[in-house]
Amino acid sequence: MHNFCIILNALAVSIILNLISHLNVVSGIQARSEKEMQPTAVQSVVPITPSSSLPGSVTPAASDFNPLGPMVMCSFLPRDFLECKDPIDHDNNHTAKAVKGYGCLHFGGSTYDEVEHTEVQCTVFPDIDCYGPRTFLRDGVPCVRYTDHYFVTTLIYSILLGFLGMDRFCLGQTGTAVGKLLTIGGVGVWWVIDIILLITNNLLPEDGSNWNPYV
């Protein structure tokens, strides 16, 4: 009988110790979960430009921006969501470009290295939500403009009616076009030379525009 009581006491002590250990484990897991669920402050990794002098630009405080949130910086939006002005033409006026700070000294070019790049003023469309100034300068815009000059059409004119100066009339080179007309294409020599110049991209529109790629 005495041995039986000892066994019961040992079982009771073991059960109590197991309960205490289980409670400690549960409370530790709960405390850790509450600690992990606490919100942590997210610091902005995107540089915020100070208030700009551009019209309509408003710069909120940098601490308000959450890079993990649903809104993106307005300056990161693609061109489809922006209304951008055309590049400013300074017409080789270096002083005007220095005063303005951006713009094009000349337009045109066939390769990337020949084309000048500048900044243009862009504004986000009213129905688009974004963070930061809604009016800003976007860099890397090529100084290229297109008019109604098409390479294929001009080449056809040059081959079929080049002896009448039709190709140069279309390019806006009226003076040389009249000379080509009066000499009947330079007795055929000027006619052939202009075809070669067109193919080698050495005969271009007089206004400095590029060939229109949209036929």
Protein backbone atom coordinates (compact mmCIF):
# COMPACT_ATOMS: atom_id res chain seq x y z
CA MET A 1 0.00 0.00 0.00
CA HIS A 2 2.86 2.35 0.82
CA ASN A 3 4.55 1.60 -2.50
CA PHE A 4 1.31 2.34 -4.35
CA CYS A 5 1.06 5.80 -2.76
CA ILE A 6 4.65 6.55 -3.74
CA ILE A 7 3.90 5.64 -7.34
CA LEU A 8 0.79 7.87 -7.39
CA ASN A 9 2.75 10.80 -5.98
CA ALA A 10 5.47 10.33 -8.60
CA LEU A 11 2.87 10.28 -11.41
CA ALA A 12 1.20 13.42 -10.07
CA VAL A 13 4.52 15.26 -9.87
CA SER A 14 5.37 14.17 -13.43
CA ILE A 15 2.02 15.35 -14.78
CA ILE A 16 2.39 18.74 -13.04
CA LEU A 17 5.92 19.20 -14.42
CA ASN A 18 4.74 18.35 -17.97
CA LEU A 19 1.90 20.87 -17.71
CA ILE A 20 4.25 23.61 -16.51
CA SER A 21 6.69 22.88 -19.35
CA HIS A 22 3.88 22.90 -21.93
CA LEU A 23 2.58 26.26 -20.65
CA ASN A 24 6.06 27.79 -20.86
CA VAL A 25 6.45 26.62 -24.46
CA VAL A 26 3.03 27.95 -25.49
CA SER A 27 3.63 31.34 -23.85
CA GLY A 28 7.05 31.60 -25.54
CA ILE A 29 5.58 30.88 -29.00
CA GLN A 30 2.78 33.40 -28.43
CA ALA A 31 5.20 36.12 -27.35
CA ARG A 32 7.38 35.50 -30.39
CA SER A 33 4.38 35.65 -32.73
CA GLU A 34 3.22 38.96 -31.25
CA LYS A 35 6.71 40.38 -31.67
CA GLU A 36 6.90 39.36 -35.34
CA MET A 37 3.45 40.78 -36.06
CA GLN A 38 4.39 44.25 -34.81
CA PRO A 39 4.58 46.72 -37.77
CA THR A 40 8.04 47.94 -38.57
CA ALA A 41 8.80 51.32 -40.05
CA VAL A 42 9.87 51.10 -43.69
CA GLN A 43 12.44 53.64 -44.76
CA SER A 44 12.18 55.02 -48.27
CA VAL A 45 14.92 53.87 -50.63
CA VAL A 46 13.81 56.18 -53.43
CA PRO A 47 15.38 59.63 -53.38
CA ILE A 48 12.82 62.39 -53.14
CA THR A 49 13.60 65.50 -55.15
CA PRO A 50 13.16 68.79 -53.30
CA SER A 51 10.29 71.06 -54.26
CA SER A 52 10.59 71.97 -57.91
CA SER A 53 9.86 75.30 -59.55
CA LEU A 54 7.83 73.56 -62.27
CA PRO A 55 4.13 74.52 -62.28
CA GLY A 56 1.88 72.01 -60.58
CA SER A 57 4.71 70.20 -58.79
CA VAL A 58 4.05 69.27 -55.16
CA THR A 59 6.56 67.27 -53.14
CA PRO A 60 5.21 65.44 -50.05
CA ALA A 61 7.45 64.63 -47.11
CA ALA A 62 9.94 61.87 -47.84
CA SER A 63 8.89 59.92 -44.75
CA ASP A 64 5.37 59.50 -46.18
CA PHE A 65 6.50 57.31 -49.09
CA ASN A 66 6.33 53.54 -48.70
CA PRO A 67 8.21 51.74 -51.51
CA LEU A 68 6.34 48.54 -50.65
CA GLY A 69 2.96 50.24 -50.99
CA PRO A 70 0.61 50.21 -53.98
CA MET A 71 1.60 53.67 -55.28
CA VAL A 72 4.67 54.30 -57.44
CA MET A 73 6.70 57.44 -57.94
CA CYS A 74 5.20 59.68 -60.62
CA SER A 75 8.59 59.98 -62.31
CA PHE A 76 8.68 56.16 -62.72
CA LEU A 77 5.48 56.01 -64.79
CA PRO A 78 5.79 55.00 -68.46
CA ARG A 79 5.12 57.47 -71.25
CA ASP A 80 1.60 56.08 -71.77
CA PHE A 81 0.48 57.73 -68.51
CA LEU A 82 2.13 61.09 -69.16
CA GLU A 83 1.53 64.14 -71.30
CA CYS A 84 4.95 65.40 -72.35
CA LYS A 85 5.81 68.54 -74.27
CA ASP A 86 7.93 68.49 -77.41
CA PRO A 87 11.65 69.16 -77.02
CA ILE A 88 12.54 72.86 -77.12
CA ASP A 89 14.39 73.90 -80.28
CA HIS A 90 17.21 76.35 -79.46
CA ASP A 91 18.48 76.30 -83.07
CA ASN A 92 22.20 76.10 -82.14
CA ASN A 93 21.79 78.89 -79.57
CA HIS A 94 24.06 77.70 -76.75
CA THR A 95 23.24 80.71 -74.58
CA ALA A 96 19.49 80.02 -74.71
CA LYS A 97 20.08 76.38 -73.75
CA ALA A 98 22.35 77.39 -70.87
CA VAL A 99 19.69 79.77 -69.53
CA LYS A 100 16.85 77.26 -69.88
CA GLY A 101 18.88 74.31 -68.69
CA TYR A 102 17.53 71.89 -71.28
CA GLY A 103 16.47 71.74 -74.92
CA CYS A 104 17.92 70.80 -78.31
CA LEU A 105 20.64 72.61 -80.20
CA HIS A 106 19.87 70.62 -83.35
CA PHE A 107 17.45 67.95 -84.48
CA GLY A 108 18.00 64.81 -86.51
CA GLY A 109 20.60 62.10 -86.80
CA SER A 110 20.78 58.58 -88.19
CA THR A 111 22.57 56.78 -85.34
CA TYR A 112 22.27 56.97 -81.56
CA ASP A 113 25.55 58.86 -81.21
CA GLU A 114 24.43 61.48 -83.74
CA VAL A 115 21.10 62.17 -82.02
CA GLU A 116 21.11 64.74 -79.22
CA HIS A 117 19.10 63.92 -76.08
CA THR A 118 17.46 66.33 -73.68
CA GLU A 119 14.84 66.74 -70.95
CA VAL A 120 11.18 67.51 -71.53
CA GLN A 121 8.47 68.61 -69.13
CA CYS A 122 5.91 65.86 -68.44
CA THR A 123 2.66 65.90 -66.46
CA VAL A 124 0.76 62.87 -65.16
CA PHE A 125 -2.77 62.42 -66.48
CA PRO A 126 -5.42 63.57 -63.94
CA ASP A 127 -6.95 60.10 -63.45
CA ILE A 128 -3.62 58.43 -62.60
CA ASP A 129 -2.67 58.10 -58.93
CA CYS A 130 1.02 58.26 -58.09
CA TYR A 131 3.38 59.62 -55.45
CA GLY A 132 5.46 62.76 -55.73
CA PRO A 133 5.40 65.77 -58.07
CA ARG A 134 2.93 65.29 -60.91
CA THR A 135 4.91 67.66 -63.15
CA PHE A 136 8.59 66.91 -63.63
CA LEU A 137 11.41 66.79 -66.18
CA ARG A 138 12.05 63.47 -67.93
CA ASP A 139 15.55 62.92 -69.27
CA GLY A 140 16.77 60.94 -72.28
CA VAL A 141 14.28 62.24 -74.86
CA PRO A 142 15.82 62.22 -78.37
CA CYS A 143 15.92 65.46 -80.34
CA VAL A 144 14.08 63.95 -83.30
CA ARG A 145 11.00 65.19 -85.12
CA TYR A 146 8.98 63.73 -87.94
CA THR A 147 7.18 65.52 -90.75
CA ASP A 148 5.54 64.25 -93.93
CA HIS A 149 8.77 62.98 -95.49
CA TYR A 150 8.79 59.26 -96.33
CA PHE A 151 11.90 57.53 -97.59
CA VAL A 152 10.18 55.01 -99.86
CA THR A 153 7.98 57.67 -101.49
CA THR A 154 10.94 60.00 -102.04
CA LEU A 155 13.02 57.17 -103.51
CA ILE A 156 10.24 56.32 -105.98
CA TYR A 157 10.00 59.98 -106.99
CA SER A 158 13.77 60.09 -107.43
CA ILE A 159 13.84 56.99 -109.66
CA LEU A 160 10.81 57.85 -111.82
CA LEU A 161 10.76 61.66 -111.82
CA GLY A 162 14.22 62.56 -110.58
CA PHE A 163 15.20 64.11 -113.89
CA LEU A 164 12.51 66.74 -113.20
CA GLY A 165 13.81 67.42 -109.67
CA MET A 166 10.66 65.98 -108.07
CA ASP A 167 12.64 64.33 -105.26
CA ARG A 168 14.28 67.59 -104.19
CA PHE A 169 10.98 69.45 -104.45
CA CYS A 170 9.49 66.93 -102.00
CA LEU A 171 12.43 67.39 -99.61
CA GLY A 172 11.94 71.16 -99.57
CA GLN A 173 15.13 71.93 -101.48
CA THR A 174 13.47 74.25 -103.96
CA GLY A 175 16.59 76.01 -105.26
CA THR A 176 18.47 72.88 -106.28
CA ALA A 177 15.22 71.32 -107.47
CA VAL A 178 14.71 74.12 -110.00
CA GLY A 179 18.30 73.76 -111.21
CA LYS A 180 17.80 70.03 -111.61
CA LEU A 181 14.59 70.64 -113.55
CA LEU A 182 16.15 73.16 -115.94
CA THR A 183 19.11 70.88 -116.66
CA ILE A 184 16.90 67.78 -117.04
CA GLY A 185 18.57 66.10 -114.10
CA GLY A 186 22.02 67.36 -115.02
CA VAL A 187 21.73 65.46 -118.32
CA GLY A 188 21.07 62.31 -116.29
CA VAL A 189 24.18 62.54 -114.09
CA TRP A 190 22.56 64.51 -111.28
CA TRP A 191 19.59 62.17 -111.47
CA VAL A 192 21.74 59.09 -110.77
CA ILE A 193 23.80 60.87 -108.08
CA ASP A 194 20.69 61.85 -106.11
CA ILE A 195 19.44 58.25 -106.17
CA ILE A 196 22.76 57.13 -104.69
CA LEU A 197 22.66 59.94 -102.11
CA LEU A 198 19.17 58.90 -101.04
CA ILE A 199 20.11 55.24 -100.64
CA THR A 200 23.22 56.12 -98.60
CA ASN A 201 21.18 58.50 -96.39
CA ASN A 202 23.10 61.59 -97.49
CA LEU A 203 20.11 63.36 -99.04
CA LEU A 204 17.72 64.35 -96.24
CA PRO A 205 14.76 66.70 -95.71
CA GLU A 206 15.67 70.39 -95.69
CA ASP A 207 13.90 71.07 -92.36
CA GLY A 208 16.21 68.67 -90.50
CA SER A 209 13.48 66.16 -89.71
CA ASN A 210 13.95 62.41 -89.86
CA TRP A 211 12.26 60.05 -92.27
CA ASN A 212 8.77 59.29 -91.04
CA PRO A 213 8.69 55.55 -90.13
CA TYR A 214 4.89 55.45 -89.95
CA VAL A 215 3.62 54.75 -93.44
